[in-house]
């Protein structure tokens, strides 16, 4: 990982937005942070850093302990269930993430190892926030933890509902095919 100052988008540059304002705008759009009040969100935007990856560089590997989460600013990440990513183009990724997606958000709340290896599919810029920095922010704004847990509970409920709906569709198809 290498630190950098990401180039502003045409709109941001035209509007004269600072990097802090760009970070804040991005975090407002991320499901994990959308329930936070403005002041704690500003602090998280301030504590975040912008970084880049070259194609093929890993964000993290399956089995590693998480230390930070990332929000994609530009580019694409590919996730693979294997400990090492296959050579580029060797197979389809298990999941892909693009601008606005939050990757590794559970790293902020838990200490379970990563379930996927995630690599840059193309030049990538992203915001990163470490667990340590989040904990510092929570000392100043204790309700951050509750709001993140609420957002996570909502997301898990959505995943659960989607999985149950998919299972119900499979059972319906199976029932029809058995007749």
Protein backbone atom coordinates (compact mmCIF):
# COMPACT_ATOMS: atom_id res chain seq x y z
CA UNK A 1 0.00 0.00 0.00
CA UNK A 2 1.25 3.43 -0.80
CA UNK A 3 -0.04 6.75 0.46
CA UNK A 4 -1.03 9.46 -1.97
CA UNK A 5 -3.37 12.32 -2.54
CA UNK A 6 -5.97 11.06 -4.97
CA UNK A 7 -6.77 13.26 -7.92
CA UNK A 8 -10.08 15.04 -7.51
CA UNK A 9 -12.92 14.22 -9.82
CA UNK A 10 -13.87 16.94 -12.30
CA UNK A 11 -16.88 17.94 -10.18
CA UNK A 12 -14.88 18.09 -6.95
CA UNK A 13 -12.13 20.14 -8.56
CA UNK A 14 -14.64 22.46 -10.22
CA UNK A 15 -16.45 22.96 -6.93
CA UNK A 16 -13.15 23.51 -5.11
CA UNK A 17 -13.80 20.75 -2.57
CA UNK A 18 -11.03 19.95 -0.12
CA UNK A 19 -9.86 16.37 0.36
CA UNK A 20 -11.60 16.36 3.75
CA UNK A 21 -14.90 17.40 2.14
CA UNK A 22 -14.47 14.73 -0.55
CA UNK A 23 -13.86 12.10 2.15
CA UNK A 24 -16.92 13.30 4.07
CA UNK A 25 -19.08 13.18 0.94
CA UNK A 26 -17.94 9.63 0.22
CA UNK A 27 -18.57 8.43 3.79
CA UNK A 28 -22.09 9.89 3.72
CA UNK A 29 -22.84 7.47 0.86
CA UNK A 30 -21.46 4.34 2.57
CA UNK A 31 -24.08 2.15 4.25
CA UNK A 32 -21.89 1.54 7.31
CA UNK A 33 -21.60 5.25 8.13
CA UNK A 34 -24.90 6.62 6.82
CA UNK A 35 -26.51 6.72 10.29
CA UNK A 36 -23.78 8.84 11.88
CA UNK A 37 -24.31 12.47 12.82
CA UNK A 38 -22.26 15.08 10.97
CA UNK A 39 -19.61 15.77 13.63
CA UNK A 40 -18.51 12.15 14.18
CA UNK A 41 -18.58 11.62 10.41
CA UNK A 42 -16.29 14.63 9.94
CA UNK A 43 -13.86 13.17 12.46
CA UNK A 44 -13.79 9.81 10.66
CA UNK A 45 -13.25 11.59 7.32
CA UNK A 46 -10.37 13.52 8.89
CA UNK A 47 -8.79 10.38 10.39
CA UNK A 48 -8.96 8.46 7.10
CA UNK A 49 -6.10 8.24 4.64
CA UNK A 50 -6.14 7.90 0.87
CA UNK A 51 -4.11 5.09 -0.63
CA UNK A 52 -3.57 3.35 -3.95
CA UNK A 53 -2.97 -0.14 -5.26
CA UNK A 54 -1.61 -1.27 -8.62
CA UNK A 55 -3.38 -4.03 -10.55
CA UNK A 56 -2.74 -7.38 -8.86
CA UNK A 57 -1.70 -5.86 -5.52
CA UNK A 58 -3.62 -7.27 -2.55
CA UNK A 59 -5.68 -5.21 -0.15
CA UNK A 60 -5.66 -8.23 2.17
CA UNK A 61 -5.43 -12.04 2.10
CA UNK A 62 -7.79 -14.71 3.35
CA UNK A 63 -6.78 -15.72 6.87
CA UNK A 64 -5.14 -12.40 7.78
CA UNK A 65 -6.30 -10.53 10.84
CA UNK A 66 -8.04 -7.32 9.78
CA UNK A 67 -6.68 -3.95 10.82
CA UNK A 68 -8.64 -1.50 8.66
CA UNK A 69 -11.51 -1.11 6.24
CA UNK A 70 -11.47 0.47 2.81
CA UNK A 71 -13.93 2.51 0.76
CA UNK A 72 -13.26 2.37 -2.97
CA UNK A 73 -12.87 5.80 -4.56
CA UNK A 74 -11.89 4.72 -8.09
CA UNK A 75 -11.10 1.37 -9.69
CA UNK A 76 -12.22 -2.17 -8.99
CA UNK A 77 -11.35 -4.81 -6.40
CA UNK A 78 -11.82 -8.54 -6.96
CA UNK A 79 -12.43 -10.97 -4.09
CA UNK A 80 -11.48 -14.66 -4.14
CA UNK A 81 -12.24 -17.31 -1.52
CA UNK A 82 -8.71 -18.71 -1.96
CA UNK A 83 -5.76 -17.63 0.17
CA UNK A 84 -4.01 -16.36 -2.98
CA UNK A 85 -5.66 -14.68 -5.95
CA UNK A 86 -5.35 -16.52 -9.27
CA UNK A 87 -3.38 -14.93 -12.12
CA UNK A 88 -5.29 -12.08 -13.78
CA UNK A 89 -8.03 -13.41 -16.04
CA UNK A 90 -7.58 -17.04 -14.93
CA UNK A 91 -11.09 -17.15 -13.46
CA UNK A 92 -13.98 -14.94 -12.53
CA UNK A 93 -13.82 -13.33 -9.08
CA UNK A 94 -16.22 -14.49 -6.38
CA UNK A 95 -17.18 -10.83 -5.84
CA UNK A 96 -16.25 -7.41 -7.20
CA UNK A 97 -16.26 -4.01 -5.54
CA UNK A 98 -16.27 -0.58 -7.16
CA UNK A 99 -16.52 3.10 -6.26
CA UNK A 100 -18.50 3.66 -3.07
CA UNK A 101 -18.23 0.07 -1.87
CA UNK A 102 -16.98 -0.63 1.66
CA UNK A 103 -14.59 -3.58 1.94
CA UNK A 104 -13.45 -5.07 5.23
CA UNK A 105 -15.89 -3.08 7.34
CA UNK A 106 -16.11 -5.89 9.85
CA UNK A 107 -12.45 -5.15 10.64
CA UNK A 108 -13.67 -2.13 12.55
CA UNK A 109 -15.83 -4.16 14.90
CA UNK A 110 -14.37 -7.64 15.19
CA UNK A 111 -11.16 -9.60 15.12
CA UNK A 112 -12.12 -12.51 12.87
CA UNK A 113 -9.75 -13.27 10.01
CA UNK A 114 -10.64 -12.22 6.46
CA UNK A 115 -12.70 -14.78 4.53
CA UNK A 116 -11.45 -13.61 1.12
CA UNK A 117 -8.32 -12.47 -0.63
CA UNK A 118 -9.04 -9.06 -2.19
CA UNK A 119 -6.85 -7.63 -4.95
CA UNK A 120 -6.92 -4.60 -7.23
CA UNK A 121 -8.23 -5.50 -10.69
CA UNK A 122 -7.07 -2.13 -12.06
CA UNK A 123 -5.41 0.97 -10.64
CA UNK A 124 -7.26 1.62 -7.41
CA UNK A 125 -7.65 4.53 -5.03
CA UNK A 126 -9.41 4.13 -1.72
CA UNK A 127 -10.01 5.60 1.71
CA UNK A 128 -8.85 3.54 4.65
CA UNK A 129 -9.78 3.78 8.31
CA UNK A 130 -8.02 1.68 10.91
CA UNK A 131 -9.65 0.11 13.95
CA UNK A 132 -7.24 2.12 16.13
CA UNK A 133 -8.42 5.42 14.62
CA UNK A 134 -12.05 4.39 14.95
CA UNK A 135 -11.50 3.59 18.62
CA UNK A 136 -9.98 7.05 19.13
CA UNK A 137 -13.04 8.61 17.48
CA UNK A 138 -15.34 6.52 19.69
CA UNK A 139 -13.68 7.98 22.79
CA UNK A 140 -14.86 11.38 21.62
CA UNK A 141 -18.21 10.19 20.19
CA UNK A 142 -19.28 6.99 22.01
CA UNK A 143 -22.48 6.63 19.96
CA UNK A 144 -20.42 5.77 16.86
CA UNK A 145 -20.22 2.14 18.02
CA UNK A 146 -23.97 1.83 18.46
CA UNK A 147 -24.67 3.41 15.05
CA UNK A 148 -22.19 1.06 13.34
CA UNK A 149 -23.80 -1.94 15.06
CA UNK A 150 -27.25 -0.76 13.94
CA UNK A 151 -26.02 -0.39 10.34
CA UNK A 152 -24.42 -3.82 10.48
CA UNK A 153 -27.59 -5.41 11.92
CA UNK A 154 -29.62 -3.88 9.08
CA UNK A 155 -27.15 -5.19 6.49
CA UNK A 156 -27.09 -8.71 7.99
CA UNK A 157 -30.90 -8.72 8.01
CA UNK A 158 -30.91 -7.77 4.31
CA UNK A 159 -28.42 -10.55 3.51
CA UNK A 160 -30.50 -13.01 5.51
CA UNK A 161 -33.68 -11.98 3.68
CA UNK A 162 -31.93 -12.31 0.31
CA UNK A 163 -30.61 -15.75 1.18
CA UNK A 164 -34.04 -16.93 2.33
CA UNK A 165 -35.65 -15.55 -0.84
CA UNK A 166 -33.04 -17.33 -2.98
CA UNK A 167 -33.63 -20.56 -1.08
CA UNK A 168 -37.39 -20.24 -1.54
CA UNK A 169 -36.91 -19.74 -5.30
CA UNK A 170 -34.72 -22.87 -5.47
CA UNK A 171 -37.29 -24.94 -3.55
CA UNK A 172 -40.04 -23.76 -5.90
CA UNK A 173 -37.94 -24.72 -8.95
CA UNK A 174 -37.02 -28.05 -7.35
CA UNK A 175 -40.67 -28.78 -6.60
CA UNK A 176 -41.67 -28.03 -10.16
CA UNK A 177 -38.85 -30.15 -11.61
CA UNK A 178 -39.80 -33.13 -9.43
CA UNK A 179 -43.37 -33.11 -10.79
